[in-house]
Protein backbone atom coordinates (compact mmCIF):
# COMPACT_ATOMS: atom_id res chain seq x y z
CA MET A 1 15.16 109.61 32.14
CA SER A 2 13.91 108.06 35.27
CA VAL A 3 15.90 105.45 37.24
CA PRO A 4 13.98 102.47 38.78
CA ARG A 5 13.75 102.56 42.55
CA GLU A 6 15.66 99.23 42.94
CA SER A 7 18.61 100.57 40.81
CA LYS A 8 18.72 103.70 43.00
CA GLN A 9 18.99 101.54 46.09
CA ILE A 10 21.87 99.49 44.67
CA SER A 11 23.73 102.61 43.65
CA LYS A 12 23.43 104.03 47.23
CA ARG A 13 24.63 100.76 48.84
CA GLY A 14 27.56 100.78 46.42
CA ALA A 15 28.50 104.36 47.37
CA SER A 16 28.25 103.51 51.10
CA SER A 17 30.40 100.51 50.63
CA GLN A 18 33.12 102.58 48.84
CA ARG A 19 33.09 105.14 51.70
CA LYS A 20 33.51 102.43 54.35
CA THR A 21 36.47 100.88 52.45
CA SER A 22 38.12 104.41 52.20
CA TYR A 23 37.69 105.09 55.92
CA SER A 24 39.15 101.58 56.72
CA ASN A 25 42.23 102.37 54.67
CA ILE A 26 42.74 105.71 56.31
CA PHE A 27 42.40 104.11 59.77
CA VAL A 28 44.94 101.45 58.87
CA PHE A 29 47.32 104.14 57.50
CA ILE A 30 47.08 106.20 60.65
CA LEU A 31 47.65 103.18 62.85
CA LEU A 32 50.77 102.31 60.89
CA ILE A 33 52.17 105.74 61.31
CA SER A 34 51.37 105.65 65.00
CA ILE A 35 53.25 102.35 65.41
CA VAL A 36 56.29 103.60 63.48
CA ALA A 37 56.40 106.77 65.66
CA VAL A 38 56.24 104.75 68.89
CA PHE A 39 58.95 102.49 67.63
CA VAL A 40 61.29 105.46 66.64
CA PHE A 41 60.53 107.07 70.06
CA LEU A 42 61.46 103.93 71.96
CA GLN A 43 64.55 103.48 69.91
CA ARG A 44 65.71 106.94 70.44
CA LYS A 45 65.21 106.51 74.19
CA GLY A 46 67.26 103.44 74.23
CA LEU A 47 64.42 101.16 75.34
CA LEU A 48 64.72 98.77 72.46
CA GLN A 49 68.53 98.00 72.97
CA ASP A 50 69.73 94.47 73.41
CA PRO A 51 69.27 93.69 77.11
CA ASN A 52 72.37 91.66 77.04
CA ALA A 53 74.58 94.38 75.83
CA ALA A 54 76.80 96.30 78.49
CA GLN A 55 75.14 99.62 79.13
CA PRO A 56 77.01 102.68 80.29
CA LEU A 57 75.96 104.25 83.66
CA SER A 58 74.54 107.65 82.67
CA VAL A 59 73.52 110.62 84.90
CA ALA A 60 70.98 113.14 83.65
CA SER A 61 72.18 116.73 83.78
CA PRO A 62 69.95 119.79 84.30
CA SER A 63 70.31 120.61 80.54
CA SER A 64 68.82 117.25 79.68
CA GLU A 65 72.12 116.04 78.30
CA SER A 66 73.65 112.81 79.57
CA ILE A 67 77.12 112.33 80.98
CA GLN A 68 78.31 108.73 80.76
CA LEU A 69 80.94 107.07 82.83
CA ALA A 70 82.39 104.18 80.74
CA THR A 71 82.11 100.65 81.82
CA PRO A 72 85.02 98.19 81.26
CA ALA A 73 83.45 97.31 77.87
CA ASN A 74 83.76 100.93 76.54
CA ALA A 75 86.57 102.20 78.80
CA SER A 76 89.08 102.29 75.94
CA SER A 77 86.98 104.93 74.18
CA GLY A 78 87.28 107.27 77.17
CA ILE A 79 85.75 107.48 80.63
CA LEU A 80 83.82 110.69 79.84
CA SER A 81 81.60 111.07 76.68
CA SER A 82 78.39 112.79 75.76
CA SER A 83 75.52 110.62 74.78
CA GLU A 84 75.70 110.41 70.98
CA SER A 85 74.46 108.16 68.17
CA PRO A 86 77.14 105.51 66.80
CA HIS A 87 77.37 107.54 63.63
CA THR A 88 78.50 110.76 65.30
CA GLU A 89 80.51 109.39 68.22
CA GLN A 90 83.86 109.08 66.45
CA SER A 91 83.71 112.58 64.94
CA SER A 92 82.58 114.18 68.05
CA LYS A 93 85.49 112.64 70.11
CA GLN A 94 88.02 113.91 67.70
CA ASN A 95 86.63 117.42 68.11
CA LYS A 96 85.95 117.43 71.82
CA LYS A 97 88.99 118.24 74.11
CA PRO A 98 89.41 116.51 77.45
CA GLU A 99 88.73 119.78 79.36
CA GLU A 100 85.41 120.10 77.59
CA ASN A 101 84.54 116.60 78.77
CA PHE A 102 85.42 117.64 82.26
CA LYS A 103 83.30 120.75 82.03
CA SER A 104 80.40 118.60 81.00
CA LEU A 105 80.89 116.50 83.97
CA LEU A 106 81.14 119.55 86.26
CA LYS A 107 77.84 120.66 84.82
CA ASP A 108 76.38 117.85 86.97
CA VAL A 109 78.71 117.55 89.94
CA ARG A 110 78.66 121.36 90.47
CA SER A 111 74.98 121.72 89.75
CA LYS A 112 72.71 123.80 92.01
CA ASP A 113 70.21 120.82 91.53
CA VAL A 114 71.00 118.78 94.59
CA LEU A 115 69.46 115.65 93.03
CA ALA A 116 71.59 115.94 89.82
CA ARG A 117 74.74 116.77 91.73
CA ASN A 118 74.29 113.69 94.09
CA LYS A 119 73.60 111.45 91.12
CA ALA A 120 76.79 112.49 89.33
CA LEU A 121 78.96 112.15 92.47
CA ASN A 122 77.52 108.74 93.24
CA ALA A 123 77.91 107.62 89.75
CA PHE A 124 81.45 108.67 89.62
CA LYS A 125 82.16 107.19 93.08
CA ASN A 126 80.82 103.85 91.87
CA ARG A 127 82.95 103.75 88.81
CA SER A 128 86.13 105.44 90.20
CA ALA A 129 87.53 102.12 91.67
CA GLU A 130 87.48 100.37 88.27
CA LYS A 131 91.12 100.16 87.11
CA ALA A 132 90.46 100.48 83.37
CA ALA A 133 88.13 103.42 83.84
CA LEU A 134 90.33 105.09 86.39
CA GLN A 135 93.39 104.82 84.30
CA ARG A 136 91.68 106.36 81.24
CA PHE A 137 90.36 109.11 83.50
CA LYS A 138 93.81 109.94 84.74
CA GLU A 139 95.11 110.09 81.26
CA GLU A 140 92.58 112.67 80.31
CA LEU A 141 93.03 114.67 83.52
CA ARG A 142 96.80 114.88 82.79
CA ALA A 143 95.80 116.61 79.53
CA VAL A 144 94.12 119.55 81.28
CA ASP A 145 96.44 122.40 82.03
CA ALA A 146 96.29 123.90 85.55
CA SER A 147 95.65 127.34 84.12
CA ASP A 148 92.35 126.06 82.66
CA GLU A 149 89.49 127.33 84.88
CA ALA A 150 87.99 123.77 84.72
CA PHE A 151 91.07 122.29 86.56
CA PRO A 152 90.51 123.59 90.19
CA GLN A 153 86.78 123.09 89.81
CA LEU A 154 87.33 119.39 88.74
CA ILE A 155 89.81 118.80 91.53
CA ALA A 156 87.30 120.18 94.05
CA ALA A 157 84.62 117.87 92.63
CA LEU A 158 87.08 114.91 93.00
CA GLY A 159 87.74 115.91 96.50
CA ALA A 160 83.99 115.62 97.23
CA VAL A 161 84.15 112.02 96.11
CA GLY A 162 87.26 111.45 98.21
CA SER A 163 87.70 107.84 97.66
CA PRO A 164 91.10 106.11 98.23
CA GLU A 165 91.53 105.74 94.46
CA ILE A 166 90.88 109.42 93.86
CA GLN A 167 93.23 110.38 96.70
CA GLN A 168 95.99 108.31 95.16
CA THR A 169 95.31 109.92 91.75
CA LEU A 170 95.56 113.34 93.17
CA ILE A 171 98.87 112.54 94.91
CA GLU A 172 100.27 111.15 91.65
CA LEU A 173 99.35 114.39 89.93
CA VAL A 174 101.14 116.52 92.43
CA ARG A 175 104.32 114.37 92.09
CA GLU A 176 104.18 114.67 88.32
CA ARG A 177 103.70 118.44 88.46
CA GLN A 178 106.00 119.32 91.34
CA GLN A 179 107.07 122.65 89.56
CA ASP A 180 103.59 123.66 88.72
CA TRP A 181 102.41 125.92 91.41
CA ARG A 182 98.88 126.41 90.13
CA ALA A 183 98.36 122.60 90.05
CA PHE A 184 99.86 122.15 93.53
CA SER A 185 97.92 124.92 95.12
CA SER A 186 94.66 123.48 93.64
CA ILE A 187 95.20 119.85 94.59
CA VAL A 188 96.91 119.94 98.12
CA PRO A 189 94.14 121.86 99.90
CA VAL A 190 91.58 119.45 98.44
CA LEU A 191 93.55 116.42 99.71
CA ALA A 192 93.54 118.14 103.11
CA GLY A 193 89.77 118.42 103.02
CA VAL A 194 88.81 114.90 102.24
CA GLU A 195 86.64 113.34 104.94
CA ASN A 196 88.66 110.17 105.40
CA PRO A 197 92.24 110.77 104.41
CA THR A 198 94.32 107.58 103.88
CA GLN A 199 97.64 107.02 105.46
CA GLU A 200 99.20 107.41 101.94
CA THR A 201 97.59 110.92 101.72
CA ILE A 202 99.07 111.95 105.14
CA ASP A 203 102.50 110.57 104.26
CA ALA A 204 102.40 112.45 100.88
CA LEU A 205 101.48 115.72 102.63
CA VAL A 206 104.41 115.19 105.02
CA GLU A 207 106.62 114.55 101.94
CA PHE A 208 105.31 117.73 100.25
CA SER A 209 105.87 119.81 103.40
CA ARG A 210 109.51 119.18 102.97
CA PHE A 211 109.78 120.58 99.36
CA PRO A 212 112.63 123.18 99.13
CA ASP A 213 110.33 125.83 97.84
CA ALA A 214 108.83 127.75 100.79
CA ASP A 215 105.50 128.40 99.16
CA PHE A 216 105.08 124.63 98.36
CA SER A 217 106.21 123.39 101.80
CA SER A 218 104.13 125.90 103.77
CA THR A 219 101.00 125.07 101.78
CA ALA A 220 101.50 121.40 102.55
CA SER A 221 102.16 122.00 106.24
CA LEU A 222 98.89 124.07 106.36
CA ALA A 223 97.13 121.11 104.69
CA LEU A 224 98.45 118.81 107.30
CA GLY A 225 97.02 121.01 109.99
CA GLY A 226 93.68 120.73 108.15
CA VAL A 227 94.02 116.98 108.21
CA VAL A 228 94.75 117.00 112.01
CA HIS A 229 91.62 119.15 112.54
CA THR A 230 89.38 116.90 110.42
CA LEU A 231 90.68 113.65 112.15
CA SER A 232 90.11 115.15 115.60
CA LYS A 233 86.41 115.01 114.77
CA THR A 234 86.11 112.00 112.32
CA ASN A 235 88.84 109.69 113.81
CA PRO A 236 90.15 111.00 117.14
CA ALA A 237 92.59 108.19 117.59
CA ARG A 238 94.40 108.94 114.34
CA GLY A 239 94.22 112.55 114.88
CA GLU A 240 95.77 112.26 118.31
CA GLN A 241 98.61 110.14 117.02
CA LEU A 242 99.42 112.72 114.30
CA LEU A 243 98.98 115.59 116.61
CA GLU A 244 101.47 114.07 119.17
CA SER A 245 104.14 113.67 116.48
CA TYR A 246 104.18 117.52 115.94
CA LEU A 247 103.85 118.31 119.64
CA ARG A 248 106.96 116.29 120.34
CA ARG A 249 108.88 118.38 117.83
CA ILE A 250 108.08 121.71 119.45
CA GLU A 251 108.95 120.33 122.84
CA GLN A 252 112.58 120.53 121.57
CA PRO A 253 112.81 124.25 120.90
CA HIS A 254 116.48 124.19 120.04
CA GLY A 255 116.24 121.33 117.58
CA ASN A 256 116.02 121.50 113.81
CA LEU A 257 114.71 125.05 113.02
CA GLU A 258 112.78 124.12 109.86
CA GLU A 259 111.04 121.26 111.60
CA LEU A 260 110.19 123.55 114.47
CA LYS A 261 108.56 126.09 112.08
CA GLU A 262 106.89 123.49 110.08
CA SER A 263 105.34 121.87 113.20
CA LEU A 264 104.04 125.36 114.29
CA ALA A 265 102.41 125.83 110.85
CA VAL A 266 100.62 122.39 111.16
CA LEU A 267 99.43 123.09 114.74
CA GLY A 268 98.37 126.40 113.95
CA ASN A 269 96.10 125.42 111.15
CA ALA A 270 94.69 122.60 113.32
CA GLY A 271 93.53 125.22 115.71
CA LEU A 272 92.96 122.87 118.68
CA PRO A 273 92.83 124.46 122.26
CA ALA A 274 94.79 121.51 123.56
CA THR A 275 97.90 122.71 121.83
CA ALA A 276 97.75 126.34 123.15
CA SER A 277 100.23 125.87 125.97
CA ALA A 278 102.89 124.21 123.88
CA ILE A 279 102.59 126.94 121.17
CA ILE A 280 102.63 129.79 123.69
CA SER A 281 105.91 128.37 125.15
CA LEU A 282 107.55 129.22 121.72
CA THR A 283 106.35 132.92 121.81
CA SER A 284 109.33 133.51 124.05
CA HIS A 285 111.84 131.84 121.79
CA PRO A 286 115.17 133.75 121.33
CA ARG A 287 114.62 133.89 117.54
CA ALA A 288 112.10 136.48 116.21
CA ASP A 289 111.13 134.27 113.28
CA VAL A 290 110.07 131.46 115.58
CA ARG A 291 108.23 133.85 117.80
CA ALA A 292 106.33 135.21 114.79
CA GLU A 293 105.43 131.74 113.61
CA ALA A 294 104.26 130.77 117.07
CA THR A 295 102.26 133.91 117.43
CA MET A 296 100.41 133.26 114.11
CA ALA A 297 99.76 129.67 115.19
CA LEU A 298 97.51 130.93 117.90
CA ARG A 299 95.10 132.55 115.44
CA PHE A 300 92.36 129.93 115.55
CA ILE A 301 92.54 129.37 119.28
CA ARG A 302 90.22 131.71 121.33
CA THR A 303 90.63 131.40 125.09
CA PRO A 304 91.19 134.10 127.62
CA TYR A 305 94.72 132.73 128.15
CA VAL A 306 95.59 133.02 124.48
CA GLU A 307 94.06 136.53 124.13
CA ARG A 308 96.09 137.74 127.02
CA ARG A 309 99.30 136.43 125.62
CA LEU A 310 98.58 137.98 122.21
CA LEU A 311 97.98 141.40 123.83
CA SER A 312 101.28 141.08 125.62
CA ILE A 313 103.17 140.24 122.40
CA LEU A 314 101.45 143.15 120.64
CA GLU A 315 102.55 145.60 123.27
CA ARG A 316 105.89 144.38 124.50
CA ASP A 317 107.75 142.11 121.94
CA ALA A 318 111.06 143.50 120.87
CA ASP A 319 110.49 142.74 117.15
CA VAL A 320 107.96 144.83 115.20
CA GLU A 321 107.33 141.97 112.86
CA VAL A 322 106.34 139.70 115.85
CA ARG A 323 104.04 142.45 117.07
CA MET A 324 102.41 142.70 113.68
CA ARG A 325 101.67 138.97 113.64
CA ALA A 326 99.84 139.48 116.85
CA VAL A 327 97.53 141.76 115.00
CA ASP A 328 97.13 139.29 112.25
CA ALA A 329 96.32 136.53 114.69
CA PHE A 330 93.72 138.59 116.44
CA ILE A 331 91.73 139.63 113.29
CA GLN A 332 91.19 136.00 112.38
CA GLY A 333 88.41 135.90 114.91
CA PRO A 334 86.44 138.10 117.19
CA VAL A 335 88.65 140.98 118.62
CA PRO A 336 88.01 141.36 122.38
CA LYS A 337 87.32 144.82 123.62
CA GLU A 338 90.11 144.41 126.10
CA SER A 339 92.46 145.05 123.27
CA LEU A 340 91.38 148.61 122.87
CA PRO A 341 93.43 150.17 125.68
CA VAL A 342 96.62 148.49 124.17
CA VAL A 343 95.64 149.79 120.60
CA LYS A 344 95.17 153.34 121.97
CA ARG A 345 98.61 153.28 123.66
CA ILE A 346 100.35 152.14 120.60
CA LEU A 347 98.61 154.80 118.45
CA GLU A 348 99.38 157.62 120.89
CA GLN A 349 103.08 156.68 121.21
CA ARG A 350 103.99 158.63 118.08
CA ASN A 351 107.72 158.65 118.72
CA SER A 352 108.28 155.20 120.15
CA SER A 353 105.85 153.08 118.09
CA PRO A 354 106.92 152.40 114.42
CA LYS A 355 104.55 153.89 111.80
CA ILE A 356 104.04 150.43 110.14
CA LEU A 357 102.84 149.11 113.50
CA ARG A 358 100.55 152.13 114.16
CA GLU A 359 99.01 151.64 110.83
CA HIS A 360 98.49 147.88 111.37
CA VAL A 361 96.82 148.12 114.80
CA ILE A 362 94.07 150.26 113.26
CA ASP A 363 92.88 147.05 111.64
CA LEU A 364 92.01 145.77 115.09
CA ILE A 365 89.74 148.71 115.59
CA ALA A 366 87.97 147.89 112.40
CA HIS A 367 87.22 144.33 113.74
CA LEU A 368 85.97 145.36 117.08
CA GLU A 369 82.15 144.79 117.75
CA LEU A 370 81.16 147.30 120.33
CA GLN A 371 77.71 148.39 121.40
CA GLY A 372 76.17 151.28 123.31
CA ASP A 373 78.47 153.48 125.31
CA ASP A 374 81.61 151.64 124.29
CA ARG A 375 80.81 152.32 120.64
CA SER A 376 79.98 155.94 121.19
CA ASN A 377 83.14 156.48 123.32
CA LEU A 378 85.32 154.81 120.47
CA ARG A 379 83.93 157.14 117.91
CA GLN A 380 84.65 160.23 119.94
CA TRP A 381 88.27 159.03 120.75
CA LEU A 382 88.99 158.16 117.07
CA THR A 383 87.70 161.52 115.85
CA SER A 384 89.85 163.31 118.42
CA PHE A 385 92.90 161.16 117.59
CA ALA A 386 92.50 161.60 113.86
CA ASN A 387 92.20 165.48 114.17
CA SER A 388 95.40 165.64 116.22
CA GLU A 389 97.43 163.22 114.09
CA GLN A 390 100.19 164.63 112.02
CA ASP A 391 100.90 161.66 109.80
CA LEU A 392 98.47 161.88 106.94
CA ASP A 393 98.49 158.22 106.24
CA ILE A 394 97.59 157.14 109.73
CA LYS A 395 95.08 160.07 110.00
CA LYS A 396 93.35 158.77 106.79
CA LYS A 397 93.28 155.27 107.94
CA ALA A 398 91.91 156.13 111.34
CA LEU A 399 89.13 158.23 109.88
CA ALA A 400 88.16 155.31 107.54
CA VAL A 401 87.23 153.13 110.56
CA VAL A 402 85.14 155.84 112.27
CA PRO A 403 81.48 155.23 111.60
CA GLU A 404 79.84 157.74 109.44
CA GLN A 405 77.53 159.07 112.18
CA SER A 406 80.45 160.18 114.26
CA THR A 407 81.08 163.14 111.88
CA ALA A 408 77.48 164.47 112.60
CA GLN A 409 78.26 164.77 116.23
């Protein structure tokens, strides 16, 4: 049966109209899906949040996670938290230990990515002065045991911030954990290394240097020496004032013995050439323990005058412990070749030089930096000495410092 031409045209127009309607519906459907996808994306990125709501300060980490430092509005929930949805935040906090929060923070502040590290430090620096946030931070910090590997790393990161509030926090931690050596030995050196130590920090280190335990007190004294050295560069007036207080003590060599030794420890770690004469005067003190402390206090000062005095102590002091401290002081820096004749004489004096001293002076040879004929002559002498040495311990140690090529000659 044939279909009239007009009917065929109407049928074709109807089919075309249906196809256009179907295409329109598909287009609208795709558009709606795109709008929804964009909306979800913006919501997840936090770009659709209420602009009037308080927002936490976040720092992007290299792993694309976000570490948030709480504002006063959310400080009660903890200063450190990972970025989470409201539905998972509570359960996550219950499962996450304080030290894990700190490790997350350290991922940024100890990052090799300079930009990420600086952002994290600046973020923390900006928030550390807020009382509510700082109090919460201190509470969580107290929960971390000093044996946890995160503890010294965190303390070091705080030292990099170094704000007065952080210094005060570290001081409080030391006072709370006076019997905890691991905490003390992590915190005190960091306090000594802050760029601008407060007067409270200096006073606290002086207080710690008077603890009855020798390990605690000596660590604090060394820290004070570090502060003096730092202040000599960053704040010379304050540094000079602190330095003078310790120089006055050692100008009274027959005063309080413990204060005298504490002052030598401070001045020794400061390592300032201006103190050399005062320290050297105590290398002739009648007490051997004071002479030993004074000798070690010269370890960071390198002048011809100091080197000559150390060589004299090494060869002539009546106490073997003091002579060994001269070796220890020398090897903290470049060992001058002028020490070699003294070393040879001590090693060759088999009957008059104690074995422990002879072993110790070989360490000086290991730190000598000789070139050319000096180096060649030393190899020959050491080989000859080792071959004639009867004591096997000294023989073995002497051969250990001979360069390998000497055995081929």
